[in-house]
Amino acid sequence: MLNVYLDHAATTPLDPRVLEAMLPYLKENFGNPSSFHSVGKDAKDALDDAREAMAKILHVRADELLFTSGGTESDNLAVLGFCRANQSHGKHLVVTAFEHHAVIEAALHLEKKEGFEVTYLSPDHDGMISLEQVMAAIRPDTIFVSVMYANNEIGTIQPIGEIGNAIQKHRKQNPNTMPCLQPGNFQFPVFHTDACQATGALDLDVEKLHVDLMTINGSKMYGPKGVGALYVRRGVKIQPLQFGGSQEKGIRPGTENVAGIIGMAKALEIAQGERVAESQRLTVLRDMLIAGIRERVPKVRLNGHATKRLPNNVNISFMDIEGEAFILYLDASGIYASTGSACTSTTLDPSHVILALGLPYEVAHGSVRFSLGHATTDADIAYVLDTIPPLVEKLRALSPVRVDPKYYV
């Protein structure tokens, strides 16, 4: 029996090159970067170097990067921190209905508890959001728009650069829009994208994406867990969510995770440097897995766009079975996959992403996400394809569920 890890969308193993970069700051170079002595200064210098390195890759200014504890905090800071700081200019948000829960739940909180209005954009059946949808939803009181760069469950890649460019043009054509911070410096709405899943596969050049806020984290790109970053375009006003120190310009107080930040910077450098070659390799394996499942297993549906998707993402609904039971059977066979986002895997609720595609609960409950990674090989895919059919057949024999054939693809 092989051990095949196909849950890289949940988290990735630490790259040895990243660990090597981190080790000195977990051992001898342990200083607090806020300390005034030389030990602290060494840590501060390393922190500044990591910030500069990331800024160069993203094509942003170093002072436009805030370090956080991960993607969830960065998303919360973008949604809550921005909207609270700018609510005097409008209380309307536009977000997609299949954003990560860190965006969705923050928007829901603003809607239910703080008097904001939220427009939720539904994707089409292929999991795509159109430019026309976004622009049609913008109102005079819209201050914030969020569209995920690449979806964490179905892997669809949205036209972020196109949307961002249109929003920038909209701001120029509406000069009476209230400025965000400094008069004449910035205008509404701002555009945020959660790029956590995109880091290893897509270009993160902020100027090409035309975004004002962008979330990334370390654990999705073979870096450490517990560290992330939020890009905040200069001039955009953000309110802190916690208090207690002057770190990160007072917006994200607390002693910085120096080793984690250095690891994230190294991981980003490696991911962006190797993304083209690795994406080509993974696309071949991804398509091999999709084709193999369709050939060997009847009554399945590929969730998300067939080609406008991350090179490592395969999300399949296996009709007439429960996805959670299937995951347990796969685990017993040494195959490690997911029914959706790792952040919600402790619940039995169906995927909100699959439901947002207009599919019924039975299809959502049968969805399984296979996310490939650096260690995935042809042999791994062959083993998975040999293992899946008998398991599905066994579960279908036990299941009372029968999905309408119109949902098969």
Protein backbone atom coordinates (compact mmCIF):
# COMPACT_ATOMS: atom_id res chain seq x y z
CA MET A 1 0.00 0.00 0.00
CA LEU A 2 1.30 3.43 -0.95
CA ASN A 3 0.89 6.60 1.12
CA VAL A 4 -0.39 9.31 -1.21
CA TYR A 5 -0.94 12.80 0.22
CA LEU A 6 -3.42 14.68 -1.94
CA ASP A 7 -4.50 17.45 0.41
CA HIS A 8 -2.02 20.20 -0.45
CA ALA A 9 -4.84 22.75 -0.61
CA ALA A 10 -5.25 22.22 3.15
CA THR A 11 -1.56 22.48 3.93
CA THR A 12 1.80 21.67 2.39
CA PRO A 13 4.89 20.05 3.92
CA LEU A 14 7.73 22.37 4.84
CA ASP A 15 10.30 22.67 2.05
CA PRO A 16 13.78 21.71 3.39
CA ARG A 17 15.17 24.92 1.92
CA VAL A 18 12.63 26.89 3.93
CA LEU A 19 13.49 25.04 7.12
CA GLU A 20 17.17 25.77 6.55
CA ALA A 21 16.44 29.49 6.25
CA MET A 22 14.33 29.43 9.43
CA LEU A 23 16.58 27.42 11.74
CA PRO A 24 18.98 30.21 12.79
CA TYR A 25 15.99 32.27 13.96
CA LEU A 26 14.58 29.36 15.94
CA LYS A 27 17.90 28.86 17.72
CA GLU A 28 20.75 31.34 18.18
CA ASN A 29 19.17 34.42 16.50
CA PHE A 30 16.16 34.46 18.81
CA GLY A 31 15.92 38.20 19.51
CA ASN A 32 12.75 40.28 19.69
CA PRO A 33 12.85 42.71 16.73
CA SER A 34 11.39 45.45 18.93
CA SER A 35 14.32 45.28 21.37
CA PHE A 36 16.87 48.09 21.26
CA HIS A 37 19.99 45.98 21.84
CA SER A 38 22.09 44.25 19.19
CA VAL A 39 20.38 40.87 19.56
CA GLY A 40 17.05 42.53 18.81
CA LYS A 41 18.58 44.56 16.02
CA ASP A 42 19.80 41.37 14.31
CA ALA A 43 16.23 40.06 14.36
CA LYS A 44 14.90 43.40 13.10
CA ASP A 45 17.39 43.41 10.22
CA ALA A 46 16.34 39.89 9.24
CA LEU A 47 12.68 40.89 9.43
CA ASP A 48 13.30 43.92 7.22
CA ASP A 49 15.22 41.80 4.70
CA ALA A 50 12.33 39.31 4.51
CA ARG A 51 9.82 42.13 4.00
CA GLU A 52 11.96 43.64 1.24
CA ALA A 53 12.36 40.24 -0.45
CA MET A 54 8.61 39.63 -0.49
CA ALA A 55 7.88 43.16 -1.65
CA LYS A 56 10.25 42.73 -4.60
CA ILE A 57 8.49 39.53 -5.70
CA LEU A 58 5.02 41.08 -5.36
CA HIS A 59 6.14 44.38 -6.96
CA VAL A 60 5.00 46.45 -3.99
CA ARG A 61 6.62 48.76 -1.46
CA ALA A 62 8.00 47.06 1.64
CA ASP A 63 5.91 49.31 3.89
CA GLU A 64 2.75 48.05 2.16
CA LEU A 65 3.14 44.55 3.66
CA LEU A 66 1.68 43.67 7.06
CA PHE A 67 2.63 40.36 8.68
CA THR A 68 -0.09 38.34 10.42
CA SER A 69 -0.70 34.88 11.86
CA GLY A 70 -2.05 33.48 8.58
CA GLY A 71 -4.61 33.77 5.82
CA THR A 72 -7.63 33.92 8.12
CA GLU A 73 -6.30 36.88 10.09
CA SER A 74 -5.25 38.67 6.90
CA ASP A 75 -8.71 38.19 5.38
CA ASN A 76 -10.39 39.37 8.59
CA LEU A 77 -8.11 42.40 8.74
CA ALA A 78 -8.92 43.25 5.11
CA VAL A 79 -12.69 42.94 5.52
CA LEU A 80 -13.30 44.12 9.09
CA GLY A 81 -10.33 46.43 9.42
CA PHE A 82 -11.02 48.27 6.20
CA CYS A 83 -14.81 48.48 6.40
CA ARG A 84 -14.85 49.69 10.00
CA ALA A 85 -12.24 52.32 9.24
CA ASN A 86 -14.16 53.67 6.23
CA GLN A 87 -17.83 53.14 7.08
CA SER A 88 -18.54 56.87 7.17
CA HIS A 89 -18.18 56.82 3.35
CA GLY A 90 -20.47 53.85 2.71
CA LYS A 91 -21.62 50.56 4.20
CA HIS A 92 -21.98 48.32 1.18
CA LEU A 93 -19.71 45.35 0.33
CA VAL A 94 -19.55 43.06 -2.69
CA VAL A 95 -18.13 39.56 -2.14
CA THR A 96 -18.50 36.27 -3.97
CA ALA A 97 -20.68 33.56 -2.49
CA PHE A 98 -17.83 31.05 -2.55
CA GLU A 99 -15.11 33.04 -0.83
CA HIS A 100 -13.13 31.40 1.95
CA HIS A 101 -15.02 31.38 5.25
CA ALA A 102 -12.57 33.98 6.59
CA VAL A 103 -14.09 36.48 4.15
CA ILE A 104 -17.68 35.18 4.15
CA GLU A 105 -18.00 35.04 7.96
CA ALA A 106 -16.45 38.49 8.36
CA ALA A 107 -18.88 39.94 5.83
CA LEU A 108 -21.80 38.19 7.53
CA HIS A 109 -20.74 39.66 10.87
CA LEU A 110 -20.71 43.16 9.41
CA GLU A 111 -24.12 42.53 7.88
CA LYS A 112 -25.76 41.07 10.98
CA LYS A 113 -24.08 43.05 13.75
CA GLU A 114 -22.79 46.33 12.36
CA GLY A 115 -25.41 47.55 9.88
CA PHE A 116 -23.55 46.89 6.61
CA GLU A 117 -25.20 45.61 3.44
CA VAL A 118 -23.53 42.79 1.49
CA THR A 119 -24.12 41.68 -2.09
CA TYR A 120 -23.08 38.06 -2.61
CA LEU A 121 -22.17 37.22 -6.21
CA SER A 122 -23.03 33.69 -7.30
CA PRO A 123 -20.63 31.95 -9.70
CA ASP A 124 -21.87 30.23 -12.83
CA HIS A 125 -22.05 26.41 -12.99
CA ASP A 126 -18.35 26.30 -13.87
CA GLY A 127 -17.43 28.33 -10.80
CA MET A 128 -16.59 31.57 -12.60
CA ILE A 129 -17.36 35.17 -11.67
CA SER A 130 -17.68 37.62 -14.55
CA LEU A 131 -16.46 41.18 -14.79
CA GLU A 132 -19.99 42.26 -15.68
CA GLN A 133 -21.36 40.74 -12.45
CA VAL A 134 -18.90 42.62 -10.31
CA MET A 135 -19.38 45.99 -11.98
CA ALA A 136 -23.17 45.68 -11.97
CA ALA A 137 -23.11 45.13 -8.20
CA ILE A 138 -21.13 48.30 -7.41
CA ARG A 139 -23.25 51.11 -5.98
CA PRO A 140 -22.40 54.69 -4.98
CA ASP A 141 -22.05 53.50 -1.36
CA THR A 142 -19.89 50.44 -2.18
CA ILE A 143 -16.56 50.68 -0.36
CA PHE A 144 -15.20 47.12 -0.62
CA VAL A 145 -15.11 44.35 -3.24
CA SER A 146 -13.56 40.92 -2.67
CA VAL A 147 -13.06 38.22 -5.32
CA MET A 148 -10.94 35.16 -4.59
CA TYR A 149 -7.98 34.73 -6.98
CA ALA A 150 -8.19 30.91 -6.98
CA ASN A 151 -10.86 29.02 -5.09
CA ASN A 152 -9.59 26.78 -2.31
CA GLU A 153 -12.13 24.00 -2.97
CA ILE A 154 -12.77 23.82 -6.72
CA GLY A 155 -9.63 25.60 -7.90
CA THR A 156 -11.27 28.00 -10.35
CA ILE A 157 -9.10 30.97 -11.33
CA GLN A 158 -10.91 34.29 -11.55
CA PRO A 159 -9.98 37.17 -13.93
CA ILE A 160 -8.59 39.29 -11.11
CA GLY A 161 -6.49 41.58 -13.31
CA GLU A 162 -9.44 42.31 -15.55
CA ILE A 163 -11.76 43.03 -12.62
CA GLY A 164 -9.17 45.14 -10.82
CA ASN A 165 -8.48 47.20 -13.92
CA ALA A 166 -12.19 47.85 -14.40
CA ILE A 167 -12.58 48.94 -10.77
CA GLN A 168 -9.67 51.36 -11.14
CA LYS A 169 -11.26 52.83 -14.27
CA HIS A 170 -14.58 53.09 -12.42
CA ARG A 171 -12.90 55.16 -9.70
CA LYS A 172 -11.35 57.51 -12.26
CA GLN A 173 -14.69 57.97 -13.99
CA ASN A 174 -16.40 58.79 -10.70
CA PRO A 175 -14.21 61.58 -9.26
CA ASN A 176 -16.85 62.60 -6.74
CA THR A 177 -16.34 59.35 -4.86
CA MET A 178 -15.13 60.15 -1.36
CA PRO A 179 -11.40 59.60 -0.85
CA CYS A 180 -10.38 56.64 1.28
CA LEU A 181 -7.71 58.35 3.33
CA GLN A 182 -6.04 61.43 1.92
CA PRO A 183 -7.98 63.89 -0.29
CA GLY A 184 -7.36 63.07 -3.92
CA ASN A 185 -5.13 60.12 -3.03
CA PHE A 186 -7.48 57.16 -3.11
CA GLN A 187 -11.10 56.41 -3.91
CA PHE A 188 -13.73 53.74 -3.39
CA PRO A 189 -14.35 50.92 -3.79
CA VAL A 190 -11.15 49.13 -2.86
CA PHE A 191 -10.49 45.72 -4.37
CA HIS A 192 -9.32 42.75 -2.26
CA THR A 193 -8.31 39.29 -3.37
CA ASP A 194 -7.55 36.22 -1.29
CA ALA A 195 -4.52 34.76 -3.08
CA CYS A 196 -3.61 32.05 -0.57
CA GLN A 197 -4.20 29.18 -2.99
CA ALA A 198 -2.62 31.03 -5.90
CA THR A 199 0.88 31.52 -4.52
CA GLY A 200 2.51 28.46 -6.04
CA ALA A 201 0.77 28.55 -9.41
CA LEU A 202 -0.14 32.09 -10.46
CA ASP A 203 1.58 35.42 -11.00
CA LEU A 204 1.31 37.62 -7.90
CA ASP A 205 2.43 40.90 -9.48
CA VAL A 206 0.13 43.35 -7.72
CA GLU A 207 0.39 45.96 -10.46
CA LYS A 208 -0.85 43.45 -13.04
CA LEU A 209 -3.66 42.34 -10.75
CA HIS A 210 -4.74 45.94 -9.95
CA VAL A 211 -5.64 44.99 -6.37
CA ASP A 212 -5.56 47.24 -3.31
CA LEU A 213 -5.54 44.48 -0.69
CA MET A 214 -4.18 40.93 -1.11
CA THR A 215 -4.01 38.02 1.31
CA ILE A 216 -1.31 35.32 1.26
CA ASN A 217 -0.08 32.78 3.80
CA GLY A 218 2.87 30.48 4.33
CA SER A 219 1.30 27.07 4.73
CA LYS A 220 -0.12 26.84 1.20
CA MET A 221 3.30 27.23 -0.47
CA TYR A 222 5.55 24.80 1.43
CA GLY A 223 6.25 27.38 4.11
CA PRO A 224 5.46 27.37 7.84
CA LYS A 225 2.02 27.41 9.38
CA GLY A 226 0.91 30.30 11.55
CA VAL A 227 2.23 33.12 9.39
CA GLY A 228 0.67 35.24 6.65
CA ALA A 229 0.73 38.66 5.08
CA LEU A 230 -1.69 41.30 3.93
CA TYR A 231 -0.73 43.69 1.15
CA VAL A 232 -2.28 47.10 1.78
CA ARG A 233 -1.85 49.65 -1.02
CA ARG A 234 -0.39 52.89 0.22
CA GLY A 235 -3.20 55.31 1.14
CA VAL A 236 -5.71 52.64 2.15
CA LYS A 237 -6.89 53.10 5.72
CA ILE A 238 -7.08 49.97 7.92
CA GLN A 239 -8.30 49.79 11.51
CA PRO A 240 -6.56 47.32 13.85
CA LEU A 241 -8.52 44.35 15.18
CA GLN A 242 -6.35 43.95 18.27
CA PHE A 243 -4.33 46.26 20.48
CA GLY A 244 -1.20 46.21 22.57
CA GLY A 245 1.83 47.35 20.61
CA SER A 246 3.27 49.40 17.78
CA GLN A 247 4.43 46.49 15.62
CA GLU A 248 3.38 46.45 11.96
CA LYS A 249 2.60 50.18 12.07
CA GLY A 250 0.23 49.57 14.99
CA ILE A 251 -2.25 47.81 12.73
CA ARG A 252 -1.19 44.31 13.74
CA PRO A 253 0.39 44.60 17.21
CA GLY A 254 2.32 41.76 18.80
CA THR A 255 5.87 40.46 18.52
CA GLU A 256 6.50 39.38 14.94
CA ASN A 257 7.06 35.70 14.19
CA VAL A 258 10.55 36.30 12.83
CA ALA A 259 11.39 32.69 11.93
CA GLY A 260 7.97 32.19 10.35
CA ILE A 261 8.20 35.39 8.32
CA ILE A 262 11.67 34.48 7.07
CA GLY A 263 10.34 31.05 6.14
CA MET A 264 7.36 32.55 4.32
CA ALA A 265 9.62 34.90 2.37
CA LYS A 266 11.84 31.99 1.33
CA ALA A 267 8.80 29.87 0.42
CA LEU A 268 7.38 32.68 -1.73
CA GLU A 269 10.71 33.09 -3.51
CA ILE A 270 10.85 29.35 -4.30
CA ALA A 271 7.17 29.09 -5.23
CA GLN A 272 7.24 32.00 -7.66
CA GLY A 273 10.57 30.92 -9.12
CA GLU A 274 9.45 27.35 -9.81
CA ARG A 275 5.74 27.88 -10.49
CA VAL A 276 5.81 27.66 -14.30
CA ALA A 277 7.67 24.34 -14.50
CA GLU A 278 5.80 22.83 -11.55
CA SER A 279 2.43 23.97 -12.89
CA GLN A 280 3.13 22.27 -16.22
CA ARG A 281 4.04 19.03 -14.45
CA LEU A 282 1.02 19.10 -12.15
CA THR A 283 -1.41 19.93 -14.96
CA VAL A 284 -0.48 16.66 -16.68
CA LEU A 285 -1.09 14.69 -13.48
CA ARG A 286 -4.29 16.60 -12.73
CA ASP A 287 -5.76 15.85 -16.14
CA MET A 288 -4.64 12.22 -15.86
CA LEU A 289 -6.56 11.90 -12.59
CA ILE A 290 -9.69 13.60 -13.94
CA ALA A 291 -9.75 11.50 -17.12
CA GLY A 292 -9.06 8.30 -15.19
CA ILE A 293 -11.91 8.85 -12.73
CA ARG A 294 -14.33 9.66 -15.54
CA GLU A 295 -13.32 6.55 -17.45
CA ARG A 296 -13.46 4.14 -14.52
CA VAL A 297 -16.27 5.49 -12.33
CA PRO A 298 -19.80 6.15 -13.59
CA LYS A 299 -21.99 8.94 -12.25
CA VAL A 300 -19.38 11.59 -11.39
CA ARG A 301 -19.17 15.33 -11.87
CA LEU A 302 -16.12 17.57 -12.17
CA ASN A 303 -16.72 20.67 -10.06
CA GLY A 304 -15.23 23.89 -11.37
CA HIS A 305 -14.04 24.98 -14.79
CA ALA A 306 -12.33 22.27 -16.83
CA THR A 307 -9.29 24.38 -17.73
CA LYS A 308 -9.47 27.67 -15.79
CA ARG A 309 -8.46 25.94 -12.60
CA LEU A 310 -5.35 25.48 -10.50
CA PRO A 311 -2.97 22.89 -11.95
CA ASN A 312 -3.11 20.80 -8.78
CA ASN A 313 -6.87 20.82 -8.11
CA VAL A 314 -9.33 18.00 -8.82
CA ASN A 315 -12.75 18.35 -7.20
CA ILE A 316 -15.14 15.51 -8.07
CA SER A 317 -18.65 14.76 -6.85
CA PHE A 318 -19.20 11.02 -6.65
CA MET A 319 -22.96 10.61 -6.88
CA ASP A 320 -24.91 8.42 -4.47
CA ILE A 321 -22.27 8.33 -1.72
CA GLU A 322 -21.32 10.41 1.32
CA GLY A 323 -18.01 12.19 0.84
CA GLU A 324 -17.02 11.83 4.51
CA ALA A 325 -17.38 8.06 4.38
CA PHE A 326 -15.38 7.96 1.15
CA ILE A 327 -12.57 10.00 2.76
CA LEU A 328 -12.35 7.45 5.58
CA TYR A 329 -12.13 4.55 3.12
CA LEU A 330 -9.46 6.39 1.15
CA ASP A 331 -7.54 7.06 4.35
CA ALA A 332 -7.57 3.35 5.17
CA SER A 333 -6.02 2.78 1.74
CA GLY A 334 -3.26 5.34 2.36
CA ILE A 335 -4.81 8.12 0.26
CA TYR A 336 -5.28 11.44 2.03
CA ALA A 337 -7.81 13.81 0.46
CA SER A 338 -10.55 16.17 1.66
CA THR A 339 -14.25 16.88 1.32
CA GLY A 340 -13.55 20.61 1.10
CA SER A 341 -11.83 23.30 3.11
CA ALA A 342 -9.72 22.06 6.00
CA CYS A 343 -11.01 25.03 8.00
CA THR A 344 -14.50 23.48 8.12
CA SER A 345 -13.68 19.77 8.00
CA THR A 346 -14.88 19.24 11.59
CA THR A 347 -18.48 19.89 10.52
CA LEU A 348 -20.74 17.72 8.40
CA ASP A 349 -22.28 20.67 6.60
CA PRO A 350 -22.15 20.43 2.81
CA SER A 351 -19.63 22.61 1.01
CA HIS A 352 -20.89 26.16 0.59
CA VAL A 353 -18.73 26.36 -2.54
CA ILE A 354 -20.50 23.46 -4.27
CA LEU A 355 -23.89 24.80 -3.20
CA ALA A 356 -22.95 28.20 -4.66
CA LEU A 357 -22.63 26.50 -8.05
CA GLY A 358 -26.38 25.85 -7.90
CA LEU A 359 -25.98 22.15 -7.11
CA PRO A 360 -28.13 20.25 -4.60
CA TYR A 361 -27.06 19.01 -1.19
CA GLU A 362 -26.66 15.43 -2.41
CA VAL A 363 -24.05 16.52 -4.96
CA ALA A 364 -22.27 18.69 -2.40
CA HIS A 365 -22.15 15.87 0.15
CA GLY A 366 -20.49 13.59 -2.40
CA SER A 367 -17.73 16.05 -3.35
CA VAL A 368 -14.09 15.15 -2.77
CA ARG A 369 -11.08 17.39 -3.33
CA PHE A 370 -7.78 15.89 -4.44
CA SER A 371 -5.00 18.52 -4.40
CA LEU A 372 -1.65 17.44 -5.80
CA GLY A 373 1.80 18.65 -4.79
CA HIS A 374 5.56 18.53 -5.27
CA ALA A 375 5.84 14.87 -4.24
CA THR A 376 2.94 13.60 -6.39
CA THR A 377 4.03 11.14 -9.09
CA ASP A 378 2.56 9.17 -11.97
CA ALA A 379 2.67 6.09 -9.74
CA ASP A 380 0.61 7.88 -7.10
CA ILE A 381 -2.08 8.76 -9.64
CA ALA A 382 -2.13 5.21 -10.95
CA TYR A 383 -2.57 3.85 -7.42
CA VAL A 384 -5.41 6.28 -6.70
CA LEU A 385 -7.17 5.32 -9.94
CA ASP A 386 -6.89 1.62 -9.09
CA THR A 387 -8.19 2.22 -5.55
CA ILE A 388 -11.17 4.50 -6.14
CA PRO A 389 -13.55 2.36 -8.28
CA PRO A 390 -14.05 -0.56 -5.87
CA LEU A 391 -14.46 1.81 -2.93
CA VAL A 392 -17.13 3.82 -4.73
CA GLU A 393 -18.92 0.64 -5.77
CA LYS A 394 -18.91 -0.61 -2.18
CA LEU A 395 -20.25 2.66 -0.77
CA ARG A 396 -22.95 2.96 -3.41
CA ALA A 397 -24.20 -0.51 -2.53
CA LEU A 398 -24.70 0.69 1.05
CA SER A 399 -26.10 4.15 0.28
CA PRO A 400 -29.81 5.06 0.07
CA VAL A 401 -28.98 8.27 -1.84
CA ARG A 402 -29.82 8.49 -5.55
CA VAL A 403 -28.87 11.73 -7.30
CA ASP A 404 -30.80 12.96 -10.34
CA PRO A 405 -28.86 11.92 -13.50
CA LYS A 406 -29.04 15.48 -14.86
CA TYR A 407 -26.18 16.39 -12.51
CA TYR A 408 -23.77 13.80 -13.94
CA VAL A 409 -20.96 15.12 -16.12
